[in-house]
Amino acid sequence: MDIRTDDLSGAAIAAFQEQHLQDMRVTSPPESKHALDLNGLRDPSVTFWTLWLGERIAACAAIQVLDADHVELKSMRTAHDLRGQGFASALLGHAIKQARARGHRRISLETGTRAFFAPA
């Protein structure tokens, strides 16, 4: 397992994020879609990580700086066939550690209320 800061330029992450956006389109009402696309994730206020198993992306997560004290967790996703194995927990721990190291004191998560979002 290898967690990397990702610049979102590779084809593998583009495909992984497109699956994420497709899931959001299916599971979220139109007025409640807040997932960032690749351009949004490339904003300087966002740090994006991928968790790799060998040559495969297993999961991803990001934080977006809202202000000096506050970040929001964004784009948290685990590959469908790898869910329940602790990859999201590893990335969440990494994101929290990074946010604390940068001096942020608050981390928020905006998520849906449907069953799909229950793990969040």
Protein backbone atom coordinates (compact mmCIF):
# COMPACT_ATOMS: atom_id res chain seq x y z
CA MET A 1 0.00 0.00 0.00
CA ASP A 2 1.42 3.35 -1.11
CA ILE A 3 -0.26 6.73 -0.52
CA ARG A 4 0.86 9.40 -2.99
CA THR A 5 0.07 13.05 -3.55
CA ASP A 6 -1.47 12.98 -7.03
CA ASP A 7 -1.38 15.78 -9.62
CA LEU A 8 -4.43 14.28 -11.37
CA SER A 9 -2.67 14.10 -14.73
CA GLY A 10 -2.68 10.34 -15.28
CA ALA A 11 -5.23 8.34 -17.24
CA ALA A 12 -5.77 5.95 -14.32
CA ILE A 13 -6.92 8.68 -11.94
CA ALA A 14 -9.05 10.30 -14.64
CA ALA A 15 -10.91 7.01 -15.13
CA PHE A 16 -11.16 6.42 -11.36
CA GLN A 17 -12.61 9.90 -10.80
CA GLU A 18 -15.04 9.51 -13.70
CA GLN A 19 -16.44 6.41 -11.94
CA HIS A 20 -16.79 8.52 -8.79
CA LEU A 21 -18.71 11.22 -10.66
CA GLN A 22 -20.94 8.61 -12.30
CA ASP A 23 -21.80 7.19 -8.87
CA MET A 24 -22.60 10.71 -7.65
CA ARG A 25 -24.89 11.33 -10.64
CA VAL A 26 -26.81 8.14 -9.91
CA THR A 27 -27.03 8.48 -6.13
CA SER A 28 -27.43 12.23 -5.56
CA PRO A 29 -30.33 14.48 -6.48
CA PRO A 30 -29.31 17.20 -8.98
CA GLU A 31 -29.44 19.95 -6.34
CA SER A 32 -27.13 17.97 -4.03
CA LYS A 33 -24.18 17.15 -6.29
CA HIS A 34 -21.06 18.67 -4.76
CA ALA A 35 -18.37 16.35 -6.12
CA LEU A 36 -15.50 18.18 -7.78
CA ASP A 37 -14.46 17.24 -11.30
CA LEU A 38 -10.77 16.99 -12.25
CA ASN A 39 -10.49 20.72 -12.88
CA GLY A 40 -12.03 21.48 -9.50
CA LEU A 41 -9.67 19.03 -7.82
CA ARG A 42 -6.69 20.75 -9.47
CA ASP A 43 -7.50 24.00 -7.67
CA PRO A 44 -4.54 25.13 -5.52
CA SER A 45 -6.76 24.92 -2.42
CA VAL A 46 -7.04 21.13 -2.89
CA THR A 47 -4.54 18.41 -2.00
CA PHE A 48 -5.40 15.07 -3.59
CA TRP A 49 -4.03 11.62 -2.65
CA THR A 50 -4.29 8.22 -4.23
CA LEU A 51 -3.71 4.92 -2.49
CA TRP A 52 -2.01 2.39 -4.76
CA LEU A 53 -1.79 -1.39 -4.61
CA GLY A 54 1.05 -2.10 -6.96
CA GLU A 55 0.04 -0.51 -10.27
CA ARG A 56 -3.61 -0.10 -9.35
CA ILE A 57 -5.43 2.79 -7.69
CA ALA A 58 -7.38 1.35 -4.78
CA ALA A 59 -8.74 4.57 -3.29
CA CYS A 60 -8.50 8.34 -3.28
CA ALA A 61 -9.25 11.28 -1.02
CA ALA A 62 -8.65 15.02 -0.93
CA ILE A 63 -8.87 17.98 1.39
CA GLN A 64 -9.86 21.45 0.29
CA VAL A 65 -8.80 24.44 2.36
CA LEU A 66 -11.80 26.57 3.29
CA ASP A 67 -9.88 28.92 5.60
CA ALA A 68 -6.77 28.90 7.80
CA ASP A 69 -8.38 26.60 10.38
CA HIS A 70 -10.85 24.62 8.28
CA VAL A 71 -10.61 22.00 5.51
CA GLU A 72 -13.26 19.85 3.87
CA LEU A 73 -12.77 16.22 2.96
CA LYS A 74 -13.50 15.71 -0.75
CA SER A 75 -13.63 12.92 -3.34
CA MET A 76 -13.25 10.01 -0.97
CA ARG A 77 -13.64 6.80 -2.97
CA THR A 78 -12.58 3.17 -2.81
CA ALA A 79 -12.73 0.82 -5.80
CA HIS A 80 -15.95 -1.21 -5.63
CA ASP A 81 -14.20 -4.57 -5.34
CA LEU A 82 -11.83 -3.36 -2.60
CA ARG A 83 -14.34 -1.85 -0.18
CA GLY A 84 -14.33 -3.01 3.41
CA GLN A 85 -10.58 -3.65 3.54
CA GLY A 86 -9.47 -0.50 5.38
CA PHE A 87 -8.21 1.59 2.46
CA ALA A 88 -10.59 4.47 3.15
CA SER A 89 -9.58 4.42 6.82
CA ALA A 90 -5.91 4.58 5.85
CA LEU A 91 -6.53 7.56 3.56
CA LEU A 92 -8.71 9.31 6.11
CA GLY A 93 -5.98 8.92 8.72
CA HIS A 94 -3.44 10.29 6.25
CA ALA A 95 -5.65 13.29 5.38
CA ILE A 96 -6.24 14.08 9.06
CA LYS A 97 -2.53 13.84 9.82
CA GLN A 98 -1.69 16.14 6.91
CA ALA A 99 -4.37 18.66 7.86
CA ARG A 100 -3.14 18.78 11.46
CA ALA A 101 0.47 19.16 10.34
CA ARG A 102 -0.60 22.18 8.27
CA GLY A 103 -2.26 23.76 11.29
CA HIS A 104 -5.91 23.13 10.38
CA ARG A 105 -8.10 22.50 13.39
CA ARG A 106 -11.42 21.59 11.77
CA ILE A 107 -12.23 18.99 9.11
CA SER A 108 -15.73 18.81 7.63
CA LEU A 109 -17.43 16.23 5.46
CA GLU A 110 -20.52 17.07 3.45
CA THR A 111 -22.16 13.87 2.31
CA GLY A 112 -25.48 12.51 1.15
CA THR A 113 -28.19 10.98 3.29
CA ARG A 114 -29.01 7.96 1.13
CA ALA A 115 -27.81 4.44 1.96
CA PHE A 116 -24.96 4.73 -0.57
CA PHE A 117 -23.36 7.35 1.69
CA ALA A 118 -23.74 5.45 4.99
CA PRO A 119 -20.03 4.46 5.13
CA ALA A 120 -19.08 8.15 5.05
